[in-house]
């Protein structure tokens, strides 16, 4: 694995982030503007960076992974646009700026999300079309696309969103809470790592280690989000705090309290790091990211 930092990967991603958006007829330019608005709003870019880094970790390159990293961020951004809609979480701020529907209206925001989702699959399939004469390379790309498809669908973020909505105003079990967090948040983080690993040609042992890392990182990430909604500052987070309690959301602090939430966060972070112990010399980026995400917002 090359000695790239998180910021190196993020910079490369952001230089190419809009490259794989389809050309949109000027008569529909509002759609493009709305899609670009949310894509360009900033963010940590954790998912595309994880995909790029996992690909190189397993022997691939950033160049071959970038269409899939962009596709993943398109899907993540579409999910945020829809998540913020009045019929979902009804949020006014995202990444420190007005949410998409506050700028473009509910209908355009819905269509922008739809457009980003379809653009993601167009980007991946367009890349695959270039490898029909290289079955091994095509196989890796099909597997990567499958990982992203699984994480973004009715076994991933869509399932998590409906479970999250239906758990509002109810006594939520720890089991259901973990299901919500794993599907709604961890699913795309797992997809990022596994898709990158598939593109890089990972062996089964490395793929399993990276999967354990991603599962624990993804759940830890959402627990930290839950905690920050209680203890964080709006100016730092770029979104309103206290919204989970106001909307009677099922969260770790609500179900088990802040102390146990913090203990679980620490446990998951350490488990993620331990999963890559055998690869430690080459896994510094993954280890450091887990540590940074554990304390983000402090």
Protein backbone atom coordinates (compact mmCIF):
# COMPACT_ATOMS: atom_id res chain seq x y z
CA UNK A 1 0.00 0.00 0.00
CA UNK A 2 1.36 3.41 -0.95
CA UNK A 3 2.03 5.92 1.77
CA UNK A 4 -1.02 8.10 1.11
CA UNK A 5 -2.75 9.99 3.90
CA UNK A 6 -6.49 10.40 4.35
CA UNK A 7 -6.20 13.93 2.97
CA UNK A 8 -4.33 12.65 -0.10
CA UNK A 9 -7.17 10.27 -0.90
CA UNK A 10 -9.81 12.90 -0.19
CA UNK A 11 -8.10 15.44 -2.42
CA UNK A 12 -7.86 12.94 -5.29
CA UNK A 13 -11.50 12.01 -4.84
CA UNK A 14 -12.73 15.59 -4.80
CA UNK A 15 -10.72 16.41 -7.93
CA UNK A 16 -12.73 13.73 -9.77
CA UNK A 17 -16.01 13.79 -7.84
CA UNK A 18 -18.09 15.34 -10.63
CA UNK A 19 -16.37 13.50 -13.49
CA UNK A 20 -18.87 10.64 -13.56
CA UNK A 21 -22.10 12.61 -13.44
CA UNK A 22 -24.00 12.05 -16.71
CA UNK A 23 -24.34 14.90 -19.14
CA UNK A 24 -27.76 16.43 -18.54
CA UNK A 25 -29.66 18.33 -21.19
CA UNK A 26 -29.77 22.04 -20.45
CA UNK A 27 -33.56 21.85 -20.42
CA UNK A 28 -33.18 19.82 -17.21
CA UNK A 29 -30.29 21.84 -15.78
CA UNK A 30 -32.08 22.38 -12.45
CA UNK A 31 -31.64 18.65 -11.82
CA UNK A 32 -27.88 18.90 -12.35
CA UNK A 33 -27.63 22.02 -10.18
CA UNK A 34 -29.50 20.34 -7.35
CA UNK A 35 -27.38 17.18 -7.55
CA UNK A 36 -24.17 19.19 -7.64
CA UNK A 37 -25.31 21.40 -4.74
CA UNK A 38 -25.43 18.51 -2.31
CA UNK A 39 -22.39 16.70 -3.71
CA UNK A 40 -20.27 19.83 -3.39
CA UNK A 41 -21.46 20.73 0.11
CA UNK A 42 -18.40 19.19 1.72
CA UNK A 43 -18.34 16.36 4.19
CA UNK A 44 -15.73 14.01 5.55
CA UNK A 45 -15.68 11.77 2.42
CA UNK A 46 -15.05 8.76 4.64
CA UNK A 47 -16.75 6.25 2.35
CA UNK A 48 -14.94 7.09 -0.91
CA UNK A 49 -11.62 7.38 0.92
CA UNK A 50 -12.14 3.96 2.49
CA UNK A 51 -12.90 2.50 -0.93
CA UNK A 52 -9.81 4.02 -2.54
CA UNK A 53 -7.59 3.01 0.37
CA UNK A 54 -8.95 -0.54 0.52
CA UNK A 55 -8.33 -0.99 -3.21
CA UNK A 56 -4.69 0.04 -2.88
CA UNK A 57 -4.31 -1.94 0.34
CA UNK A 58 -5.23 -5.06 -1.65
CA UNK A 59 -3.01 -4.31 -4.64
CA UNK A 60 -5.08 -2.04 -6.86
CA UNK A 61 -4.83 1.64 -7.74
CA UNK A 62 -6.79 4.81 -7.06
CA UNK A 63 -7.29 5.29 -10.80
CA UNK A 64 -9.19 2.05 -11.26
CA UNK A 65 -11.22 2.59 -8.09
CA UNK A 66 -12.32 6.18 -8.64
CA UNK A 67 -15.53 5.45 -10.63
CA UNK A 68 -16.73 3.25 -7.78
CA UNK A 69 -15.68 5.74 -5.09
CA UNK A 70 -17.69 8.43 -6.89
CA UNK A 71 -20.64 6.09 -7.32
CA UNK A 72 -20.61 5.35 -3.62
CA UNK A 73 -20.59 9.04 -2.71
CA UNK A 74 -23.42 9.69 -5.15
CA UNK A 75 -25.47 7.05 -3.34
CA UNK A 76 -24.54 8.37 0.09
CA UNK A 77 -25.47 11.92 -0.96
CA UNK A 78 -28.79 10.80 -2.43
CA UNK A 79 -29.59 9.06 0.86
CA UNK A 80 -28.86 12.25 2.80
CA UNK A 81 -31.06 14.35 0.51
CA UNK A 82 -33.96 11.96 0.99
CA UNK A 83 -33.24 11.54 4.71
CA UNK A 84 -33.55 15.31 5.20
CA UNK A 85 -36.94 15.60 3.47
CA UNK A 86 -40.00 16.69 5.49
CA UNK A 87 -41.51 13.21 5.10
CA UNK A 88 -38.40 11.68 6.70
CA UNK A 89 -36.30 13.57 9.30
CA UNK A 90 -37.29 17.07 8.16
CA UNK A 91 -33.86 18.67 8.64
CA UNK A 92 -33.02 22.26 7.68
CA UNK A 93 -29.21 22.00 7.80
CA UNK A 94 -26.72 19.55 6.35
CA UNK A 95 -22.94 20.11 6.45
CA UNK A 96 -23.49 23.66 7.65
CA UNK A 97 -25.70 24.81 4.76
CA UNK A 98 -29.44 24.58 4.02
CA UNK A 99 -30.60 21.11 3.03
CA UNK A 100 -31.39 20.45 -0.61
CA UNK A 101 -35.17 20.74 -0.27
CA UNK A 102 -34.81 24.07 1.52
CA UNK A 103 -33.06 25.46 -1.56
CA UNK A 104 -34.79 23.64 -4.42
CA UNK A 105 -38.07 22.42 -2.91
CA UNK A 106 -39.24 18.94 -1.99
CA UNK A 107 -39.95 17.75 -5.52
CA UNK A 108 -36.61 18.76 -7.02
CA UNK A 109 -34.73 17.38 -4.00
CA UNK A 110 -36.50 14.04 -4.41
CA UNK A 111 -35.58 13.94 -8.10
CA UNK A 112 -31.97 14.97 -7.35
CA UNK A 113 -31.70 11.98 -5.04
CA UNK A 114 -33.16 9.75 -7.74
CA UNK A 115 -30.72 11.20 -10.27
CA UNK A 116 -27.70 10.61 -8.05
CA UNK A 117 -28.69 7.03 -7.43
CA UNK A 118 -29.04 6.26 -11.13
CA UNK A 119 -25.82 8.17 -11.89
CA UNK A 120 -23.97 5.88 -9.49
CA UNK A 121 -24.96 2.75 -11.37
CA UNK A 122 -24.34 4.38 -14.73
CA UNK A 123 -20.78 5.25 -13.62
CA UNK A 124 -20.03 1.71 -12.48
CA UNK A 125 -21.54 0.00 -15.51
CA UNK A 126 -19.84 2.37 -17.93
CA UNK A 127 -16.52 1.40 -16.35
CA UNK A 128 -17.35 -2.30 -16.59
CA UNK A 129 -18.06 -1.99 -20.31
CA UNK A 130 -14.36 -1.26 -20.85
CA UNK A 131 -13.23 -4.65 -19.53
CA UNK A 132 -15.11 -7.24 -21.59
CA UNK A 133 -11.77 -8.43 -23.01
CA UNK A 134 -10.29 -8.88 -19.51
CA UNK A 135 -12.49 -11.35 -17.59
CA UNK A 136 -10.48 -11.12 -14.36
CA UNK A 137 -10.68 -7.32 -14.24
CA UNK A 138 -14.36 -7.41 -15.16
CA UNK A 139 -15.01 -9.94 -12.41
CA UNK A 140 -13.46 -7.65 -9.80
CA UNK A 141 -15.61 -4.76 -10.98
CA UNK A 142 -18.82 -6.77 -10.97
CA UNK A 143 -18.07 -7.86 -7.41
CA UNK A 144 -17.43 -4.25 -6.38
CA UNK A 145 -20.68 -3.12 -7.95
CA UNK A 146 -22.52 -5.90 -6.14
CA UNK A 147 -21.11 -4.81 -2.77
CA UNK A 148 -22.27 -1.23 -3.37
CA UNK A 149 -25.66 -2.37 -4.65
CA UNK A 150 -26.21 -4.55 -1.58
CA UNK A 151 -25.23 -1.79 0.85
CA UNK A 152 -27.45 0.79 -0.81
CA UNK A 153 -30.62 -1.25 -1.18
CA UNK A 154 -33.32 -3.08 0.71
CA UNK A 155 -30.74 -5.01 2.75
CA UNK A 156 -28.81 -1.82 3.50
CA UNK A 157 -29.61 1.85 3.87
CA UNK A 158 -33.22 1.59 2.66
CA UNK A 159 -33.98 -1.13 5.20
CA UNK A 160 -32.26 0.91 7.90
CA UNK A 161 -34.24 4.02 7.09
CA UNK A 162 -37.63 2.34 7.35
CA UNK A 163 -36.67 0.55 10.55
CA UNK A 164 -35.46 3.87 11.97
CA UNK A 165 -38.73 5.59 11.11
CA UNK A 166 -40.89 2.80 12.51
CA UNK A 167 -38.94 2.76 15.78
CA UNK A 168 -39.83 6.38 16.57
CA UNK A 169 -41.91 6.87 19.74
CA UNK A 170 -41.45 3.20 20.70
CA UNK A 171 -39.44 1.25 23.25
CA UNK A 172 -36.57 0.05 21.10
CA UNK A 173 -34.59 -3.06 22.02
CA UNK A 174 -30.81 -3.14 21.84
CA UNK A 175 -31.09 -5.77 19.10
CA UNK A 176 -33.33 -3.57 16.95
CA UNK A 177 -31.15 -0.53 17.59
CA UNK A 178 -28.05 -2.38 16.36
CA UNK A 179 -29.99 -3.52 13.28
CA UNK A 180 -30.98 0.07 12.49
CA UNK A 181 -27.44 1.36 12.90
CA UNK A 182 -25.82 -1.49 10.97
CA UNK A 183 -28.16 -1.14 8.01
CA UNK A 184 -28.70 2.62 7.95
CA UNK A 185 -25.07 3.65 8.51
CA UNK A 186 -22.61 0.77 8.67
CA UNK A 187 -23.89 -0.85 5.45
CA UNK A 188 -22.32 1.76 3.16
CA UNK A 189 -19.09 1.77 5.16
CA UNK A 190 -18.90 -2.01 4.82
CA UNK A 191 -19.72 -1.66 1.12
CA UNK A 192 -16.94 0.90 0.69
CA UNK A 193 -14.29 -1.33 2.22
CA UNK A 194 -15.44 -4.54 0.57
CA UNK A 195 -15.88 -2.92 -2.86
CA UNK A 196 -12.38 -1.46 -2.68
CA UNK A 197 -10.98 -4.79 -1.57
CA UNK A 198 -12.74 -6.59 -4.42
CA UNK A 199 -11.35 -4.11 -6.94
CA UNK A 200 -7.86 -4.66 -5.55
CA UNK A 201 -8.15 -8.44 -5.82
CA UNK A 202 -8.19 -9.23 -2.09
CA UNK A 203 -7.74 -12.81 -0.96
CA UNK A 204 -10.44 -14.29 1.29
CA UNK A 205 -8.45 -13.81 4.51
CA UNK A 206 -7.79 -10.12 3.87
CA UNK A 207 -11.38 -9.55 2.76
CA UNK A 208 -12.64 -11.08 6.00
CA UNK A 209 -10.32 -8.96 8.15
CA UNK A 210 -11.34 -5.79 6.34
CA UNK A 211 -15.01 -6.72 6.69
CA UNK A 212 -14.72 -7.14 10.46
CA UNK A 213 -12.95 -3.80 10.59
CA UNK A 214 -15.68 -2.09 8.57
CA UNK A 215 -18.57 -3.62 10.51
CA UNK A 216 -17.19 -2.39 13.81
CA UNK A 217 -16.12 0.98 12.41
CA UNK A 218 -19.56 1.55 10.89
CA UNK A 219 -21.43 0.82 14.10
CA UNK A 220 -18.97 2.90 16.12
CA UNK A 221 -19.42 5.78 13.67
CA UNK A 222 -23.19 5.87 14.20
CA UNK A 223 -22.91 5.56 17.98
CA UNK A 224 -20.58 8.56 17.95
CA UNK A 225 -23.19 10.41 15.88
CA UNK A 226 -25.83 9.52 18.48
CA UNK A 227 -23.61 10.83 21.28
CA UNK A 228 -22.80 14.05 19.43
CA UNK A 229 -26.49 14.76 18.90
CA UNK A 230 -26.69 14.98 22.70
CA UNK A 231 -23.33 16.56 23.55
CA UNK A 232 -22.13 18.29 20.36
CA UNK A 233 -22.32 21.87 19.14
CA UNK A 234 -24.33 22.82 16.04
CA UNK A 235 -21.57 25.18 14.87
CA UNK A 236 -19.06 22.33 14.91
CA UNK A 237 -21.24 19.59 13.47
CA UNK A 238 -22.90 21.64 10.72
CA UNK A 239 -26.36 20.35 11.63
CA UNK A 240 -28.87 20.79 14.41
CA UNK A 241 -28.29 18.94 17.65
CA UNK A 242 -30.98 17.51 19.89
CA UNK A 243 -33.00 16.42 16.87
CA UNK A 244 -32.96 12.75 17.83
CA UNK A 245 -34.66 13.37 21.17
CA UNK A 246 -37.07 15.86 19.61
CA UNK A 247 -38.10 13.27 17.02
CA UNK A 248 -38.12 10.39 19.55
CA UNK A 249 -35.46 8.55 17.58
CA UNK A 250 -34.03 5.22 18.67
CA UNK A 251 -30.43 6.04 19.62
CA UNK A 252 -27.76 4.56 21.86
CA UNK A 253 -27.98 7.33 24.51
CA UNK A 254 -31.78 6.99 24.57
CA UNK A 255 -31.69 3.20 24.93
CA UNK A 256 -28.62 2.54 27.13
CA UNK A 257 -27.47 5.99 28.34
CA UNK A 258 -24.37 8.04 27.60
CA UNK A 259 -21.93 6.09 29.77
CA UNK A 260 -22.71 2.75 28.19
CA UNK A 261 -22.79 4.38 24.75
CA UNK A 262 -19.25 5.67 25.24
CA UNK A 263 -18.09 2.28 26.53
CA UNK A 264 -19.58 0.54 23.50
CA UNK A 265 -17.93 3.08 21.19
CA UNK A 266 -14.53 2.36 22.71
CA UNK A 267 -15.08 -1.40 22.49
CA UNK A 268 -16.09 -1.29 18.83
CA UNK A 269 -13.19 0.97 17.90
CA UNK A 270 -10.70 -1.39 19.50
CA UNK A 271 -12.28 -4.41 17.82
CA UNK A 272 -11.97 -2.65 14.46
CA UNK A 273 -8.30 -1.93 15.08
CA UNK A 274 -7.62 -5.47 16.30
CA UNK A 275 -9.12 -6.93 13.11
CA UNK A 276 -6.15 -5.52 11.17
CA UNK A 277 -3.47 -6.40 13.71
CA UNK A 278 -1.76 -8.82 11.30
CA UNK A 279 -1.55 -6.06 8.68
CA UNK A 280 -0.58 -3.27 11.05
CA UNK A 281 2.45 -2.00 9.13
CA UNK A 282 0.31 -1.42 6.05
CA UNK A 283 -2.96 -0.56 7.78
CA UNK A 284 -1.97 2.67 9.50
CA UNK A 285 -4.56 4.75 7.64
CA UNK A 286 -7.40 2.44 8.73
CA UNK A 287 -6.19 2.33 12.33
CA UNK A 288 -5.75 6.10 12.59
CA UNK A 289 -9.15 6.73 11.01
CA UNK A 290 -10.83 4.54 13.62
CA UNK A 291 -9.11 6.49 16.39
CA UNK A 292 -10.02 9.86 14.89
CA UNK A 293 -13.67 8.95 14.38
CA UNK A 294 -13.94 7.78 17.99
CA UNK A 295 -13.18 11.27 19.31
CA UNK A 296 -14.54 13.45 16.48
CA UNK A 297 -16.52 16.46 17.58
CA UNK A 298 -14.60 16.87 20.84
